[in-house]
Protein backbone atom coordinates (compact mmCIF):
# COMPACT_ATOMS: atom_id res chain seq x y z
CA UNK A 1 98.49 54.51 115.43
CA UNK A 2 96.93 57.57 117.05
CA UNK A 3 99.90 59.79 116.08
CA UNK A 4 99.44 58.78 112.43
CA UNK A 5 95.78 59.74 112.59
CA UNK A 6 96.54 63.18 114.10
CA UNK A 7 99.29 63.79 111.54
CA UNK A 8 96.92 62.80 108.72
CA UNK A 9 94.27 65.26 110.03
CA UNK A 10 96.85 68.06 110.18
CA UNK A 11 97.99 67.35 106.61
CA UNK A 12 94.38 67.30 105.36
CA UNK A 13 93.68 70.63 107.13
CA UNK A 14 96.75 72.26 105.61
CA UNK A 15 95.96 71.02 102.09
CA UNK A 16 92.32 72.09 102.39
CA UNK A 17 93.37 75.53 103.66
CA UNK A 18 95.78 75.97 100.75
CA UNK A 19 93.08 74.97 98.26
CA UNK A 20 90.58 77.39 99.78
CA UNK A 21 93.08 80.28 99.77
CA UNK A 22 94.11 79.48 96.18
CA UNK A 23 90.47 79.34 95.03
CA UNK A 24 89.57 82.63 96.72
CA UNK A 25 92.73 84.31 95.38
CA UNK A 26 92.14 82.98 91.84
CA UNK A 27 88.39 83.53 91.46
CA UNK A 28 87.07 85.99 94.06
CA UNK A 29 89.43 88.45 95.75
CA UNK A 30 93.03 89.55 95.36
CA UNK A 31 94.92 90.52 98.53
CA UNK A 32 96.36 94.02 98.09
CA UNK A 33 98.88 96.08 100.02
CA UNK A 34 99.20 99.78 99.27
CA UNK A 35 102.87 100.57 98.71
CA UNK A 36 103.95 104.20 98.52
CA UNK A 37 102.08 107.49 98.52
CA UNK A 38 100.76 107.62 94.94
CA UNK A 39 97.12 107.23 96.07
CA UNK A 40 97.39 109.43 99.20
CA UNK A 41 95.18 110.58 100.89
CA UNK A 42 92.59 108.17 99.40
CA UNK A 43 94.81 105.20 100.26
CA UNK A 44 97.79 105.30 102.58
CA UNK A 45 101.09 103.45 102.48
CA UNK A 46 100.83 100.11 104.29
CA UNK A 47 97.07 99.75 104.13
CA UNK A 48 95.91 96.24 103.29
CA UNK A 49 92.75 94.88 101.84
CA UNK A 50 91.12 92.91 99.08
CA UNK A 51 90.33 93.88 95.53
CA UNK A 52 87.49 92.18 93.65
CA UNK A 53 88.17 89.76 90.82
CA UNK A 54 84.42 89.16 90.58
CA UNK A 55 83.61 92.84 89.98
CA UNK A 56 86.19 92.97 87.20
CA UNK A 57 84.59 89.94 85.49
CA UNK A 58 80.97 90.98 85.98
CA UNK A 59 81.06 94.77 85.60
CA UNK A 60 82.43 97.08 82.95
CA UNK A 61 85.46 99.16 83.76
CA UNK A 62 84.34 102.74 84.41
CA UNK A 63 86.09 106.03 84.66
CA UNK A 64 87.43 106.63 88.18
CA UNK A 65 87.30 102.96 89.24
CA UNK A 66 90.15 102.01 91.53
CA UNK A 67 92.01 99.17 89.84
CA UNK A 68 94.94 96.89 90.51
CA UNK A 69 97.29 96.72 87.54
CA UNK A 70 100.01 94.16 86.95
CA UNK A 71 103.16 95.86 85.67
CA UNK A 72 106.37 94.25 84.48
CA UNK A 73 108.70 96.55 86.40
CA UNK A 74 106.77 97.34 89.58
CA UNK A 75 104.53 94.31 90.15
CA UNK A 76 100.99 95.10 91.31
CA UNK A 77 100.06 98.77 91.60
CA UNK A 78 96.85 100.41 92.80
CA UNK A 79 95.67 103.35 90.68
CA UNK A 80 92.56 105.15 89.50
CA UNK A 81 91.20 104.53 85.99
CA UNK A 82 91.03 107.91 84.26
CA UNK A 83 90.55 107.33 80.51
CA UNK A 84 88.94 104.50 78.57
CA UNK A 85 89.69 102.99 75.14
CA UNK A 86 89.63 105.37 72.16
CA UNK A 87 89.48 108.47 74.35
CA UNK A 88 91.86 111.42 74.15
CA UNK A 89 93.20 112.59 77.50
CA UNK A 90 94.99 115.81 78.37
CA UNK A 91 95.75 117.89 81.44
CA UNK A 92 96.24 121.61 80.97
CA UNK A 93 96.52 124.15 83.82
CA UNK A 94 95.34 121.63 86.44
CA UNK A 95 92.24 120.70 84.40
CA UNK A 96 91.55 117.19 83.12
CA UNK A 97 90.13 117.01 79.60
CA UNK A 98 88.78 113.89 77.98
CA UNK A 99 87.79 114.23 74.33
CA UNK A 100 88.22 118.00 74.75
CA UNK A 101 85.63 118.16 77.55
CA UNK A 102 86.52 119.27 81.06
CA UNK A 103 86.09 116.44 83.56
CA UNK A 104 85.53 117.07 87.28
CA UNK A 105 87.67 114.99 89.62
CA UNK A 106 85.56 115.10 92.77
CA UNK A 107 87.48 112.19 94.29
CA UNK A 108 90.63 114.33 94.68
CA UNK A 109 91.08 115.79 98.16
CA UNK A 110 90.83 119.53 97.49
CA UNK A 111 92.45 120.53 100.80
CA UNK A 112 95.46 118.34 100.10
CA UNK A 113 95.67 119.62 96.52
CA UNK A 114 95.56 123.28 97.64
CA UNK A 115 98.10 122.64 100.41
CA UNK A 116 100.52 121.05 97.94
CA UNK A 117 100.18 123.91 95.47
CA UNK A 118 100.62 126.53 98.19
CA UNK A 119 103.68 124.91 99.76
CA UNK A 120 105.47 124.13 96.47
CA UNK A 121 104.17 126.87 94.15
CA UNK A 122 103.62 124.11 91.56
CA UNK A 123 100.50 122.76 89.91
CA UNK A 124 99.12 119.55 91.40
CA UNK A 125 98.49 118.09 87.92
CA UNK A 126 101.37 118.71 85.57
CA UNK A 127 100.45 119.38 81.95
CA UNK A 128 100.62 116.51 79.48
CA UNK A 129 98.97 115.26 76.35
CA UNK A 130 96.91 115.08 74.40
CA UNK A 131 97.22 111.30 74.21
CA UNK A 132 94.72 109.20 72.26
CA UNK A 133 94.20 105.65 73.47
CA UNK A 134 93.79 102.61 71.22
CA UNK A 135 90.92 100.08 71.27
CA UNK A 136 92.24 98.13 74.26
CA UNK A 137 94.08 100.79 76.24
CA UNK A 138 93.30 102.30 79.63
CA UNK A 139 94.95 105.30 81.27
CA UNK A 140 95.54 105.20 85.04
CA UNK A 141 96.85 107.78 87.48
CA UNK A 142 97.39 107.99 91.22
CA UNK A 143 95.32 110.43 93.28
CA UNK A 144 98.54 112.02 94.58
CA UNK A 145 99.56 113.25 91.14
CA UNK A 146 102.91 114.87 91.99
CA UNK A 147 104.15 111.61 93.54
CA UNK A 148 102.58 109.00 91.28
CA UNK A 149 104.32 106.79 88.75
CA UNK A 150 101.51 105.99 86.33
CA UNK A 151 100.34 106.14 82.69
CA UNK A 152 101.74 109.66 82.34
CA UNK A 153 105.27 108.28 82.71
CA UNK A 154 107.18 105.57 80.88
CA UNK A 155 104.54 103.04 81.97
CA UNK A 156 102.11 104.44 79.42
CA UNK A 157 98.58 103.13 78.93
CA UNK A 158 97.65 99.61 80.01
CA UNK A 159 95.68 96.87 78.28
CA UNK A 160 92.58 95.27 79.78
CA UNK A 161 94.60 92.11 80.40
CA UNK A 162 96.95 94.11 82.68
CA UNK A 163 94.07 95.08 84.98
CA UNK A 164 93.61 92.18 87.36
CA UNK A 165 90.93 93.47 89.75
CA UNK A 166 88.88 96.52 90.67
CA UNK A 167 87.43 98.19 93.74
CA UNK A 168 89.10 97.75 97.09
CA UNK A 169 88.07 96.95 100.65
CA UNK A 170 90.65 98.19 103.15
CA UNK A 171 90.58 96.21 106.40
CA UNK A 172 93.98 97.04 107.91
CA UNK A 173 94.50 99.05 109.92
CA UNK A 174 90.98 98.71 111.31
CA UNK A 175 90.83 102.46 111.94
CA UNK A 176 90.97 102.93 108.12
CA UNK A 177 88.25 100.37 107.30
CA UNK A 178 86.61 101.48 104.05
CA UNK A 179 85.25 100.26 100.72
CA UNK A 180 86.21 102.13 97.55
CA UNK A 181 84.06 100.93 94.70
CA UNK A 182 81.19 101.98 92.53
């Protein structure tokens, strides 16, 4: 009789734990693992954290938000939101233009950018565009532009429904603990 009671308590604990994890994952936070170097040095390969589902539902998407996008070919990817619906985006000679106005990208690591350009003799941001987005399109890029598969490539712009969360709290490894949000 006692073994049945212990087994029943274990089953209840497991079911409750699964329900709690499912609820948190569905309504509050999305677990995220950074895969690859497309966001380096802002985010590093193998870092883990949570991205906010709540922030996505309660706040507007803003330029330079870090977002998690669901893609058909590559699953979940972490990128930076660069252009918003109905904007025209272009990069020319390492300068980002949105609606023909130069936009500063203070979030880019200038030392890393200069080091890349010096060692490769290539521009950090390759020229592209202009591209004009539709009513429900967003343009994302990685912070490590030469090594990022993003909206500049075959992926193209994304719809709001493809963006599943925004902002990110990195908790692993502990030495990299940081919050990247607005």
